Every structure is written in C-alpha cells, then in structure tokens.
Amino acid sequence: MDCIFCKIVEGAIPSKKVYENEHVLAFHDIQPAAAVHVLIIPKKHIPTMNDAAGEDFALIGEIHKAAQIVAKELGIADSGYRLVNNCGKDGGQVVFHIHYHLLGGEKLSALNVRD
C-alpha cells in the first residue's frame, strides 16, 4: 500500500506526534493552515468516510475523543477550534485515508460554503 498516513502509523515516515493510543494517531500537519493544525487519523486504513462501516463508527468516535484531548493539551479547547473531515475529491480530500483536521489557536474565518 502506498498510503502516506499508513507509513506514518508504521513509523516509516517521521511525524511530530501529539497524541497516540492503540487506535488513533494525532500529529502536526507539515503545511499548517492555522496556528494549530493537527491531523487525527485512525491507525486502520479506511479510504474515505463513505468507506466506514460497522466497527469503524466506534473508531470514528475514538477520533473525536482524541480531538477533545488534543485541543485541551494544546490549550485551544476553551477558545475554540474546528474539526474538519474532507470526503472525496470534490470535498477537498487529498490523502485517501480518513483524517480530521483540528484547527485553532487563532480566530478562524467563516467556512467557504455556498448557499
């Protein structure tokens, strides 16, 4: 498999880890879009949210739990943060391994969403 996030999970590609447990890994994005920009991924390879099934939904809950923990540890829980999952090409997904962007540490602009 040629998935960059799977390689990060395996340790073949280094990352600046923020949080890790048996199922989830969180690390700083190498191209941050905010003062705080952390990627939170399941260790299990799931290409997109549309591919999640069965036991994967408990794993997605673990990702959300990790987001709370990371936001507190990085001091942005009280001021606020954004948790984003892009799904598919038109949704802006670039790496096809489910991942969430935890963004914060500054006032974020409104989302660019069409009415």
PDB file of N, CA and C in Angstrom:
ATOM      1  N   MET A   1       0.852  -1.178   0.000  1.00  0.00           N
ATOM      2  CA  MET A   1       0.000   0.000   0.000  1.00  0.00           C
ATOM      3  C   MET A   1       0.893   1.236   0.000  1.00  0.00           C
ATOM      4  N   ASP A   2       0.490   2.224  -0.772  1.00  0.00           N
ATOM      5  CA  ASP A   2       1.294   3.431  -0.902  1.00  0.00           C
ATOM      6  C   ASP A   2       0.598   4.618  -0.240  1.00  0.00           C
ATOM      7  N   CYS A   3       0.157   4.435   0.991  1.00  0.00           N
ATOM      8  CA  CYS A   3      -0.566   5.472   1.719  1.00  0.00           C
ATOM      9  C   CYS A   3       0.394   6.175   2.685  1.00  0.00           C
ATOM     10  N   ILE A   4       0.532   7.478   2.521  1.00  0.00           N
ATOM     11  CA  ILE A   4       1.463   8.226   3.363  1.00  0.00           C
ATOM     12  C   ILE A   4       1.080   8.140   4.845  1.00  0.00           C
ATOM     13  N   PHE A   5      -0.221   8.138   5.156  1.00  0.00           N
ATOM     14  CA  PHE A   5      -0.627   8.068   6.553  1.00  0.00           C
ATOM     15  C   PHE A   5      -0.358   6.687   7.145  1.00  0.00           C
ATOM     16  N   CYS A   6      -0.516   5.641   6.341  1.00  0.00           N
ATOM     17  CA  CYS A   6      -0.168   4.297   6.829  1.00  0.00           C
ATOM     18  C   CYS A   6       1.330   4.216   7.122  1.00  0.00           C
ATOM     19  N   LYS A   7       2.138   4.878   6.292  1.00  0.00           N
ATOM     20  CA  LYS A   7       3.584   4.901   6.516  1.00  0.00           C
ATOM     21  C   LYS A   7       3.933   5.670   7.787  1.00  0.00           C
ATOM     22  N   ILE A   8       3.176   6.717   8.082  1.00  0.00           N
ATOM     23  CA  ILE A   8       3.384   7.461   9.328  1.00  0.00           C
ATOM     24  C   ILE A   8       3.014   6.584  10.521  1.00  0.00           C
ATOM     25  N   VAL A   9       1.897   5.864  10.427  1.00  0.00           N
ATOM     26  CA  VAL A   9       1.481   4.951  11.502  1.00  0.00           C
ATOM     27  C   VAL A   9       2.559   3.902  11.744  1.00  0.00           C
ATOM     28  N   GLU A  10       3.134   3.358  10.668  1.00  0.00           N
ATOM     29  CA  GLU A  10       4.177   2.317  10.768  1.00  0.00           C
ATOM     30  C   GLU A  10       5.498   2.869  11.290  1.00  0.00           C
ATOM     31  N   GLY A  11       5.682   4.188  11.230  1.00  0.00           N
ATOM     32  CA  GLY A  11       6.946   4.798  11.638  1.00  0.00           C
ATOM     33  C   GLY A  11       7.944   4.926  10.513  1.00  0.00           C
ATOM     34  N   ALA A  12       7.555   4.549   9.290  1.00  0.00           N
ATOM     35  CA  ALA A  12       8.453   4.660   8.136  1.00  0.00           C
ATOM     36  C   ALA A  12       8.667   6.118   7.731  1.00  0.00           C
ATOM     37  N   ILE A  13       7.705   6.962   8.019  1.00  0.00           N
ATOM     38  CA  ILE A  13       7.813   8.404   7.790  1.00  0.00           C
ATOM     39  C   ILE A  13       7.658   9.067   9.151  1.00  0.00           C
ATOM     40  N   PRO A  14       8.590   9.947   9.517  1.00  0.00           N
ATOM     41  CA  PRO A  14       8.502  10.595  10.834  1.00  0.00           C
ATOM     42  C   PRO A  14       7.372  11.620  10.892  1.00  0.00           C
ATOM     43  N   SER A  15       6.882  11.842  12.097  1.00  0.00           N
ATOM     44  CA  SER A  15       5.863  12.870  12.314  1.00  0.00           C
ATOM     45  C   SER A  15       6.082  13.464  13.699  1.00  0.00           C
ATOM     46  N   LYS A  16       5.545  14.644  13.891  1.00  0.00           N
ATOM     47  CA  LYS A  16       5.613  15.296  15.202  1.00  0.00           C
ATOM     48  C   LYS A  16       4.315  14.949  15.929  1.00  0.00           C
ATOM     49  N   LYS A  17       4.360  13.824  16.657  1.00  0.00           N
ATOM     50  CA  LYS A  17       3.170  13.288  17.326  1.00  0.00           C
ATOM     51  C   LYS A  17       2.711  14.184  18.471  1.00  0.00           C
ATOM     52  N   VAL A  18       1.390  14.259  18.590  1.00  0.00           N
ATOM     53  CA  VAL A  18       0.768  14.999  19.667  1.00  0.00           C
ATOM     54  C   VAL A  18       0.032  14.039  20.598  1.00  0.00           C
ATOM     55  N   TYR A  19      -0.518  12.968  20.024  1.00  0.00           N
ATOM     56  CA  TYR A  19      -1.326  12.012  20.782  1.00  0.00           C
ATOM     57  C   TYR A  19      -1.300  10.673  20.057  1.00  0.00           C
ATOM     58  N   GLU A  20      -1.310   9.604  20.856  1.00  0.00           N
ATOM     59  CA  GLU A  20      -1.379   8.273  20.258  1.00  0.00           C
ATOM     60  C   GLU A  20      -1.971   7.311  21.270  1.00  0.00           C
ATOM     61  N   ASN A  21      -2.842   6.459  20.774  1.00  0.00           N
ATOM     62  CA  ASN A  21      -3.306   5.325  21.564  1.00  0.00           C
ATOM     63  C   ASN A  21      -3.334   4.105  20.648  1.00  0.00           C
ATOM     64  N   GLU A  22      -3.976   3.065  21.055  1.00  0.00           N
ATOM     65  CA  GLU A  22      -3.995   1.822  20.291  1.00  0.00           C
ATOM     66  C   GLU A  22      -4.642   1.972  18.910  1.00  0.00           C
ATOM     67  N   HIS A  23      -5.578   2.916  18.784  1.00  0.00           N
ATOM     68  CA  HIS A  23      -6.375   3.010  17.561  1.00  0.00           C
ATOM     69  C   HIS A  23      -6.176   4.285  16.752  1.00  0.00           C
ATOM     70  N   VAL A  24      -5.643   5.330  17.389  1.00  0.00           N
ATOM     71  CA  VAL A  24      -5.630   6.668  16.798  1.00  0.00           C
ATOM     72  C   VAL A  24      -4.247   7.302  16.936  1.00  0.00           C
ATOM     73  N   LEU A  25      -3.896   8.114  15.948  1.00  0.00           N
ATOM     74  CA  LEU A  25      -2.653   8.875  15.979  1.00  0.00           C
ATOM     75  C   LEU A  25      -2.966  10.314  15.600  1.00  0.00           C
ATOM     76  N   ALA A  26      -2.388  11.272  16.328  1.00  0.00           N
ATOM     77  CA  ALA A  26      -2.531  12.689  16.017  1.00  0.00           C
ATOM     78  C   ALA A  26      -1.140  13.300  15.909  1.00  0.00           C
ATOM     79  N   PHE A  27      -0.949  14.115  14.870  1.00  0.00           N
ATOM     80  CA  PHE A  27       0.354  14.723  14.634  1.00  0.00           C
ATOM     81  C   PHE A  27       0.183  16.071  13.942  1.00  0.00           C
ATOM     82  N   HIS A  28       1.199  16.916  14.087  1.00  0.00           N
ATOM     83  CA  HIS A  28       1.158  18.244  13.475  1.00  0.00           C
ATOM     84  C   HIS A  28       1.225  18.129  11.952  1.00  0.00           C
ATOM     85  N   ASP A  29       0.393  18.930  11.280  1.00  0.00           N
ATOM     86  CA  ASP A  29       0.399  18.995   9.821  1.00  0.00           C
ATOM     87  C   ASP A  29       1.667  19.710   9.376  1.00  0.00           C
ATOM     88  N   ILE A  30       2.310  19.207   8.320  1.00  0.00           N
ATOM     89  CA  ILE A  30       3.552  19.835   7.843  1.00  0.00           C
ATOM     90  C   ILE A  30       3.291  21.104   7.031  1.00  0.00           C
ATOM     91  N   GLN A  31       2.034  21.324   6.638  1.00  0.00           N
ATOM     92  CA  GLN A  31       1.654  22.556   5.944  1.00  0.00           C
ATOM     93  C   GLN A  31       0.463  23.170   6.684  1.00  0.00           C
ATOM     94  N   PRO A  32       0.715  23.756   7.862  1.00  0.00           N
ATOM     95  CA  PRO A  32      -0.392  24.229   8.690  1.00  0.00           C
ATOM     96  C   PRO A  32      -1.214  25.332   8.027  1.00  0.00           C
ATOM     97  N   ALA A  33      -2.537  25.235   8.217  1.00  0.00           N
ATOM     98  CA  ALA A  33      -3.474  26.226   7.708  1.00  0.00           C
ATOM     99  C   ALA A  33      -3.976  27.132   8.832  1.00  0.00           C
ATOM    100  N   ALA A  34      -3.462  26.930  10.045  1.00  0.00           N
ATOM    101  CA  ALA A  34      -3.817  27.745  11.214  1.00  0.00           C
ATOM    102  C   ALA A  34      -2.660  27.654  12.199  1.00  0.00           C
ATOM    103  N   ALA A  35      -2.716  28.495  13.228  1.00  0.00           N
ATOM    104  CA  ALA A  35      -1.651  28.481  14.242  1.00  0.00           C
ATOM    105  C   ALA A  35      -1.483  27.084  14.832  1.00  0.00           C
ATOM    106  N   VAL A  36      -2.595  26.402  15.064  1.00  0.00           N
ATOM    107  CA  VAL A  36      -2.586  24.998  15.485  1.00  0.00           C
ATOM    108  C   VAL A  36      -3.265  24.210  14.387  1.00  0.00           C
ATOM    109  N   HIS A  37      -2.562  23.238  13.836  1.00  0.00           N
ATOM    110  CA  HIS A  37      -3.129  22.385  12.788  1.00  0.00           C
ATOM    111  C   HIS A  37      -2.597  20.975  12.996  1.00  0.00           C
ATOM    112  N   VAL A  38      -3.479  20.132  13.529  1.00  0.00           N
ATOM    113  CA  VAL A  38      -3.125  18.745  13.844  1.00  0.00           C
ATOM    114  C   VAL A  38      -4.004  17.834  13.002  1.00  0.00           C
ATOM    115  N   LEU A  39      -3.419  16.770  12.487  1.00  0.00           N
ATOM    116  CA  LEU A  39      -4.169  15.740  11.775  1.00  0.00           C
ATOM    117  C   LEU A  39      -4.427  14.591  12.741  1.00  0.00           C
ATOM    118  N   ILE A  40      -5.644  14.099  12.746  1.00  0.00           N
ATOM    119  CA  ILE A  40      -6.018  12.973  13.603  1.00  0.00           C
ATOM    120  C   ILE A  40      -6.500  11.856  12.696  1.00  0.00           C
ATOM    121  N   ILE A  41      -5.838  10.699  12.787  1.00  0.00           N
ATOM    122  CA  ILE A  41      -6.141   9.597  11.874  1.00  0.00           C
ATOM    123  C   ILE A  41      -6.365   8.295  12.637  1.00  0.00           C
ATOM    124  N   PRO A  42      -7.184   7.414  12.074  1.00  0.00           N
ATOM    125  CA  PRO A  42      -7.249   6.064  12.632  1.00  0.00           C
ATOM    126  C   PRO A  42      -6.016   5.296  12.165  1.00  0.00           C
ATOM    127  N   LYS A  43      -5.540   4.383  12.972  1.00  0.00           N
ATOM    128  CA  LYS A  43      -4.412   3.558  12.537  1.00  0.00           C
ATOM    129  C   LYS A  43      -4.846   2.555  11.468  1.00  0.00           C
ATOM    130  N   LYS A  44      -6.117   2.233  11.464  1.00  0.00           N
ATOM    131  CA  LYS A  44      -6.673   1.354  10.430  1.00  0.00           C
ATOM    132  C   LYS A  44      -6.884   2.162   9.156  1.00  0.00           C
ATOM    133  N   HIS A  45      -6.490   1.613   8.032  1.00  0.00           N
ATOM    134  CA  HIS A  45      -6.685   2.304   6.755  1.00  0.00           C
ATOM    135  C   HIS A  45      -8.142   2.203   6.324  1.00  0.00           C
ATOM    136  N   ILE A  46      -8.788   3.348   6.245  1.00  0.00           N
ATOM    137  CA  ILE A  46     -10.140   3.486   5.706  1.00  0.00           C
ATOM    138  C   ILE A  46     -10.033   4.651   4.726  1.00  0.00           C
ATOM    139  N   PRO A  47     -10.254   4.428   3.439  1.00  0.00           N
ATOM    140  CA  PRO A  47     -10.011   5.488   2.454  1.00  0.00           C
ATOM    141  C   PRO A  47     -10.819   6.772   2.657  1.00  0.00           C
ATOM    142  N   THR A  48     -12.143   6.662   2.810  1.00  0.00           N
ATOM    143  CA  THR A  48     -12.982   7.844   2.962  1.00  0.00           C
ATOM    144  C   THR A  48     -14.076   7.565   3.982  1.00  0.00           C
ATOM    145  N   MET A  49     -14.754   8.620   4.385  1.00  0.00           N
ATOM    146  CA  MET A  49     -15.883   8.455   5.297  1.00  0.00           C
ATOM    147  C   MET A  49     -16.928   7.525   4.690  1.00  0.00           C
ATOM    148  N   ASN A  50     -17.081   7.546   3.379  1.00  0.00           N
ATOM    149  CA  ASN A  50     -18.047   6.678   2.703  1.00  0.00           C
ATOM    150  C   ASN A  50     -17.684   5.205   2.810  1.00  0.00           C
ATOM    151  N   ASP A  51     -16.437   4.908   3.110  1.00  0.00           N
ATOM    152  CA  ASP A  51     -15.983   3.521   3.241  1.00  0.00           C
ATOM    153  C   ASP A  51     -16.103   2.994   4.673  1.00  0.00           C
ATOM    154  N   ALA A  52     -16.435   3.864   5.620  1.00  0.00           N
ATOM    155  CA  ALA A  52     -16.577   3.443   7.020  1.00  0.00           C
ATOM    156  C   ALA A  52     -17.817   2.564   7.161  1.00  0.00           C
ATOM    157  N   ALA A  53     -17.671   1.498   7.941  1.00  0.00           N
ATOM    158  CA  ALA A  53     -18.794   0.577   8.149  1.00  0.00           C
ATOM    159  C   ALA A  53     -18.631  -0.130   9.484  1.00  0.00           C
ATOM    160  N   GLY A  54     -19.732  -0.624  10.018  1.00  0.00           N
ATOM    161  CA  GLY A  54     -19.702  -1.458  11.211  1.00  0.00           C
ATOM    162  C   GLY A  54     -18.881  -0.894  12.342  1.00  0.00           C
ATOM    163  N   GLU A  55     -17.841  -1.630  12.721  1.00  0.00           N
ATOM    164  CA  GLU A  55     -16.998  -1.258  13.865  1.00  0.00           C
ATOM    165  C   GLU A  55     -16.208   0.030  13.620  1.00  0.00           C
ATOM    166  N   ASP A  56     -16.143   0.498  12.381  1.00  0.00           N
ATOM    167  CA  ASP A  56     -15.416   1.733  12.080  1.00  0.00           C
ATOM    168  C   ASP A  56     -16.045   2.938  12.772  1.00  0.00           C
ATOM    169  N   PHE A  57     -17.354   2.884  13.041  1.00  0.00           N
ATOM    170  CA  PHE A  57     -18.010   4.033  13.651  1.00  0.00           C
ATOM    171  C   PHE A  57     -17.568   4.226  15.102  1.00  0.00           C
ATOM    172  N   ALA A  58     -17.240   3.155  15.790  1.00  0.00           N
ATOM    173  CA  ALA A  58     -16.664   3.289  17.130  1.00  0.00           C
ATOM    174  C   ALA A  58     -15.274   3.920  17.027  1.00  0.00           C
ATOM    175  N   LEU A  59     -14.541   3.576  15.995  1.00  0.00           N
ATOM    176  CA  LEU A  59     -13.215   4.141  15.757  1.00  0.00           C
ATOM    177  C   LEU A  59     -13.321   5.639  15.466  1.00  0.00           C
ATOM    178  N   ILE A  60     -14.330   6.042  14.734  1.00  0.00           N
ATOM    179  CA  ILE A  60     -14.544   7.469  14.466  1.00  0.00           C
ATOM    180  C   ILE A  60     -14.859   8.204  15.765  1.00  0.00           C
ATOM    181  N   GLY A  61     -15.570   7.549  16.660  1.00  0.00           N
ATOM    182  CA  GLY A  61     -15.793   8.120  17.992  1.00  0.00           C
ATOM    183  C   GLY A  61     -14.491   8.315  18.742  1.00  0.00           C
ATOM    184  N   GLU A  62     -13.565   7.370  18.595  1.00  0.00           N
ATOM    185  CA  GLU A  62     -12.236   7.485  19.217  1.00  0.00           C
ATOM    186  C   GLU A  62     -11.483   8.699  18.670  1.00  0.00           C
ATOM    187  N   ILE A  63     -11.666   8.974  17.393  1.00  0.00           N
ATOM    188  CA  ILE A  63     -11.024  10.149  16.778  1.00  0.00           C
ATOM    189  C   ILE A  63     -11.570  11.423  17.417  1.00  0.00           C
ATOM    190  N   HIS A  64     -12.877  11.475  17.615  1.00  0.00           N
ATOM    191  CA  HIS A  64     -13.485  12.661  18.229  1.00  0.00           C
ATOM    192  C   HIS A  64     -13.028  12.819  19.682  1.00  0.00           C
ATOM    193  N   LYS A  65     -12.895  11.720  20.378  1.00  0.00           N
ATOM    194  CA  LYS A  65     -12.373  11.760  21.755  1.00  0.00           C
ATOM    195  C   LYS A  65     -10.938  12.286  21.752  1.00  0.00           C
ATOM    196  N   ALA A  66     -10.130  11.819  20.800  1.00  0.00           N
ATOM    197  CA  ALA A  66      -8.751  12.291  20.678  1.00  0.00           C
ATOM    198  C   ALA A  66      -8.719  13.791  20.387  1.00  0.00           C
ATOM    199  N   ALA A  67      -9.664  14.273  19.576  1.00  0.00           N
ATOM    200  CA  ALA A  67      -9.723  15.708  19.267  1.00  0.00           C
ATOM    201  C   ALA A  67      -9.930  16.523  20.534  1.00  0.00           C
ATOM    202  N   GLN A  68     -10.814  16.063  21.419  1.00  0.00           N
ATOM    203  CA  GLN A  68     -11.029  16.761  22.694  1.00  0.00           C
ATOM    204  C   GLN A  68      -9.753  16.798  23.522  1.00  0.00           C
ATOM    205  N   ILE A  69      -9.092  15.663  23.608  1.00  0.00           N
ATOM    206  CA  ILE A  69      -7.861  15.555  24.403  1.00  0.00           C
ATOM    207  C   ILE A  69      -6.776  16.468  23.839  1.00  0.00           C
ATOM    208  N   VAL A  70      -6.571  16.413  22.531  1.00  0.00           N
ATOM    209  CA  VAL A  70      -5.531  17.222  21.885  1.00  0.00           C
ATOM    210  C   VAL A  70      -5.841  18.707  22.039  1.00  0.00           C
ATOM    211  N   ALA A  71      -7.096  19.100  21.841  1.00  0.00           N
ATOM    212  CA  ALA A  71      -7.464  20.511  21.985  1.00  0.00           C
ATOM    213  C   ALA A  71      -7.158  21.012  23.401  1.00  0.00           C
ATOM    214  N   LYS A  72      -7.441  20.194  24.404  1.00  0.00           N
ATOM    215  CA  LYS A  72      -7.129  20.581  25.784  1.00  0.00           C
ATOM    216  C   LYS A  72      -5.628  20.676  25.992  1.00  0.00           C
ATOM    217  N   GLU A  73      -4.889  19.662  25.511  1.00  0.00           N
ATOM    218  CA  GLU A  73      -3.431  19.642  25.703  1.00  0.00           C
ATOM    219  C   GLU A  73      -2.746  20.812  25.002  1.00  0.00           C
ATOM    220  N   LEU A  74      -3.288  21.244  23.874  1.00  0.00           N
ATOM    221  CA  LEU A  74      -2.675  22.346  23.128  1.00  0.00           C
ATOM    222  C   LEU A  74      -3.234  23.707  23.520  1.00  0.00           C
ATOM    223  N   GLY A  75      -4.135  23.720  24.500  1.00  0.00           N
ATOM    224  CA  GLY A  75      -4.642  24.976  25.041  1.00  0.00           C
ATOM    225  C   GLY A  75      -5.640  25.705  24.168  1.00  0.00           C
ATOM    226  N   ILE A  76      -6.347  24.993  23.299  1.00  0.00           N
ATOM    227  CA  ILE A  76      -7.317  25.665  22.436  1.00  0.00           C
ATOM    228  C   ILE A  76      -8.767  25.228  22.696  1.00  0.00           C
ATOM    229  N   ALA A  77      -8.967  24.360  23.665  1.00  0.00           N
ATOM    230  CA  ALA A  77     -10.313  23.844  23.919  1.00  0.00           C
ATOM    231  C   ALA A  77     -11.279  24.959  24.325  1.00  0.00           C
ATOM    232  N   ASP A  78     -10.845  25.857  25.185  1.00  0.00           N
ATOM    233  CA  ASP A  78     -11.736  26.905  25.678  1.00  0.00           C
ATOM    234  C   ASP A  78     -11.961  28.013  24.658  1.00  0.00           C
ATOM    235  N   SER A  79     -10.934  28.372  23.902  1.00  0.00           N
ATOM    236  CA  SER A  79     -11.079  29.462  22.928  1.00  0.00           C
ATOM    237  C   SER A  79     -11.824  29.000  21.677  1.00  0.00           C
ATOM    238  N   GLY A  80     -11.751  27.704  21.374  1.00  0.00           N
ATOM    239  CA  GLY A  80     -12.481  27.159  20.232  1.00  0.00           C
ATOM    240  C   GLY A  80     -11.568  26.620  19.151  1.00  0.00           C
ATOM    241  N   TYR A  81     -12.097  25.695  18.418  1.00  0.00           N
ATOM    242  CA  TYR A  81     -11.348  25.054  17.341  1.00  0.00           C
ATOM    243  C   TYR A  81     -12.320  24.497  16.318  1.00  0.00           C
ATOM    244  N   ARG A  82     -11.785  24.091  15.198  1.00  0.00           N
ATOM    245  CA  ARG A  82     -12.575  23.492  14.124  1.00  0.00           C
ATOM    246  C   ARG A  82     -12.071  22.080  13.902  1.00  0.00           C
ATOM    247  N   LEU A  83     -12.995  21.138  13.719  1.00  0.00           N
ATOM    248  CA  LEU A  83     -12.662  19.755  13.406  1.00  0.00           C
ATOM    249  C   LEU A  83     -13.295  19.450  12.054  1.00  0.00           C
ATOM    250  N   VAL A  84     -12.457  19.141  11.055  1.00  0.00           N
ATOM    251  CA  VAL A  84     -12.932  19.007   9.677  1.00  0.00           C
ATOM    252  C   VAL A  84     -12.510  17.668   9.090  1.00  0.00           C
ATOM    253  N   ASN A  85     -13.458  17.021   8.419  1.00  0.00           N
ATOM    254  CA  ASN A  85     -13.159  15.822   7.632  1.00  0.00           C
ATOM    255  C   ASN A  85     -13.589  16.097   6.202  1.00  0.00           C
ATOM    256  N   ASN A  86     -12.654  16.015   5.270  1.00  0.00           N
ATOM    257  CA  ASN A  86     -12.964  16.168   3.854  1.00  0.00           C
ATOM    258  C   ASN A  86     -13.203  14.781   3.271  1.00  0.00           C
ATOM    259  N   CYS A  87     -14.261  14.638   2.489  1.00  0.00           N
ATOM    260  CA  CYS A  87     -14.601  13.331   1.922  1.00  0.00           C
ATOM    261  C   CYS A  87     -14.684  13.416   0.414  1.00  0.00           C
ATOM    262  N   GLY A  88     -13.788  12.706  -0.266  1.00  0.00           N
ATOM    263  CA  GLY A  88     -13.785  12.651  -1.726  1.00  0.00           C
ATOM    264  C   GLY A  88     -13.128  13.864  -2.365  1.00  0.00           C
ATOM    265  N   LYS A  89     -12.852  13.738  -3.654  1.00  0.00           N
ATOM    266  CA  LYS A  89     -12.152  14.804  -4.385  1.00  0.00           C
ATOM    267  C   LYS A  89     -12.883  16.135  -4.313  1.00  0.00           C
ATOM    268  N   ASP A  90     -14.182  16.139  -4.581  1.00  0.00           N
ATOM    269  CA  ASP A  90     -14.929  17.396  -4.563  1.00  0.00           C
ATOM    270  C   ASP A  90     -15.049  17.967  -3.160  1.00  0.00           C
ATOM    271  N   GLY A  91     -14.889  17.137  -2.154  1.00  0.00           N
ATOM    272  CA  GLY A  91     -14.907  17.593  -0.764  1.00  0.00           C
ATOM    273  C   GLY A  91     -13.560  18.102  -0.297  1.00  0.00           C
ATOM    274  N   GLY A  92     -12.552  18.011  -1.156  1.00  0.00           N
ATOM    275  CA  GLY A  92     -11.227  18.522  -0.820  1.00  0.00           C
ATOM    276  C   GLY A  92     -10.280  17.491  -0.233  1.00  0.00           C
ATOM    277  N   GLN A  93     -10.665  16.204  -0.256  1.00  0.00           N
ATOM    278  CA  GLN A  93      -9.778  15.171   0.284  1.00  0.00           C
ATOM    279  C   GLN A  93      -8.612  14.949  -0.660  1.00  0.00           C
ATOM    280  N   VAL A  94      -7.408  14.998  -0.116  1.00  0.00           N
ATOM    281  CA  VAL A  94      -6.188  14.812  -0.905  1.00  0.00           C
ATOM    282  C   VAL A  94      -5.552  13.464  -0.596  1.00  0.00           C
ATOM    283  N   VAL A  95      -5.488  13.113   0.689  1.00  0.00           N
ATOM    284  CA  VAL A  95      -4.949  11.818   1.103  1.00  0.00           C
ATOM    285  C   VAL A  95      -6.135  10.906   1.394  1.00  0.00           C
ATOM    286  N   PHE A  96      -6.197   9.769   0.704  1.00  0.00           N
ATOM    287  CA  PHE A  96      -7.344   8.884   0.838  1.00  0.00           C
ATOM    288  C   PHE A  96      -7.127   7.844   1.940  1.00  0.00           C
ATOM    289  N   HIS A  97      -7.104   8.378   3.157  1.00  0.00           N
ATOM    290  CA  HIS A  97      -7.075   7.662   4.436  1.00  0.00           C
ATOM    291  C   HIS A  97      -7.826   8.621   5.345  1.00  0.00           C
ATOM    292  N   ILE A  98      -8.957   8.196   5.898  1.00  0.00           N
ATOM    293  CA  ILE A  98      -9.762   9.112   6.718  1.00  0.00           C
ATOM    294  C   ILE A  98      -8.850   9.889   7.659  1.00  0.00           C
ATOM    295  N   HIS A  99      -9.076  11.182   7.708  1.00  0.00           N
ATOM    296  CA  HIS A  99      -8.348  12.024   8.648  1.00  0.00           C
ATOM    297  C   HIS A  99      -9.165  13.269   8.942  1.00  0.00           C
ATOM    298  N   TYR A 100      -8.929  13.800  10.128  1.00  0.00           N
ATOM    299  CA  TYR A 100      -9.589  15.013  10.568  1.00  0.00           C
ATOM    300  C   TYR A 100      -8.537  16.080  10.789  1.00  0.00           C
ATOM    301  N   HIS A 101      -8.866  17.295  10.404  1.00  0.00           N
ATOM    302  CA  HIS A 101      -8.010  18.448  10.650  1.00  0.00           C
ATOM    303  C   HIS A 101      -8.537  19.137  11.899  1.00  0.00           C
ATOM    304  N   LEU A 102      -7.689  19.279  12.909  1.00  0.00           N
ATOM    305  CA  LEU A 102      -8.007  20.047  14.107  1.00  0.00           C
ATOM    306  C   LEU A 102      -7.305  21.387  13.945  1.00  0.00           C
ATOM    307  N   LEU A 103      -8.094  22.442  13.798  1.00  0.00           N
ATOM    308  CA  LEU A 103      -7.566  23.777  13.521  1.00  0.00           C
ATOM    309  C   LEU A 103      -7.950  24.736  14.628  1.00  0.00           C
ATOM    310  N   GLY A 104      -7.020  25.569  15.055  1.00  0.00           N
ATOM    311  CA  GLY A 104      -7.319  26.548  16.090  1.00  0.00           C
ATOM    312  C   GLY A 104      -6.118  27.385  16.430  1.00  0.00           C
ATOM    313  N   GLY A 105      -6.154  27.966  17.621  1.00  0.00           N
ATOM    314  CA  GLY A 105      -5.050  28.801  18.070  1.00  0.00           C
ATOM    315  C   GLY A 105      -5.123  30.225  17.559  1.00  0.00           C
ATOM    316  N   GLU A 106      -6.196  30.558  16.845  1.00  0.00           N
ATOM    317  CA  GLU A 106      -6.425  31.884  16.318  1.00  0.00           C
ATOM    318  C   GLU A 106      -7.898  31.954  15.898  1.00  0.00           C
ATOM    319  N   LYS A 107      -8.374  33.177  15.649  1.00  0.00           N
ATOM    320  CA  LYS A 107      -9.759  33.307  15.164  1.00  0.00           C
ATOM    321  C   LYS A 107      -9.800  32.827  13.725  1.00  0.00           C
ATOM    322  N   LEU A 108     -10.647  31.832  13.478  1.00  0.00           N
ATOM    323  CA  LEU A 108     -10.767  31.257  12.146  1.00  0.00           C
ATOM    324  C   LEU A 108     -11.854  31.974  11.354  1.00  0.00           C
ATOM    325  N   SER A 109     -11.618  32.119  10.071  1.00  0.00           N
ATOM    326  CA  SER A 109     -12.622  32.763   9.218  1.00  0.00           C
ATOM    327  C   SER A 109     -13.794  31.830   9.001  1.00  0.00           C
ATOM    328  N   ALA A 110     -14.894  32.373   8.535  1.00  0.00           N
ATOM    329  CA  ALA A 110     -16.077  31.562   8.238  1.00  0.00           C
ATOM    330  C   ALA A 110     -15.749  30.565   7.137  1.00  0.00           C
ATOM    331  N   LEU A 111     -16.433  29.454   7.160  1.00  0.00           N
ATOM    332  CA  LEU A 111     -16.250  28.447   6.124  1.00  0.00           C
ATOM    333  C   LEU A 111     -16.732  28.970   4.782  1.00  0.00           C
ATOM    334  N   ASN A 112     -16.067  28.575   3.730  1.00  0.00           N
ATOM    335  CA  ASN A 112     -16.457  28.944   2.378  1.00  0.00           C
ATOM    336  C   ASN A 112     -17.484  27.946   1.883  1.00  0.00           C
ATOM    337  N   VAL A 113     -18.748  28.203   2.207  1.00  0.00           N
ATOM    338  CA  VAL A 113     -19.817  27.279   1.843  1.00  0.00           C
ATOM    339  C   VAL A 113     -20.841  28.045   1.012  1.00  0.00           C
ATOM    340  N   ARG A 114     -21.235  27.455  -0.092  1.00  0.00           N
ATOM    341  CA  ARG A 114     -22.249  28.091  -0.937  1.00  0.00           C
ATOM    342  C   ARG A 114     -23.617  27.963  -0.306  1.00  0.00           C
ATOM    343  N   ASP A 115     -24.444  28.989  -0.501  1.00  0.00           N
ATOM    344  CA  ASP A 115     -25.838  28.946  -0.011  1.00  0.00           C
ATOM    345  C   ASP A 115     -26.690  28.079  -0.898  1.00  0.00           C
TER     346      ASP A 115
END
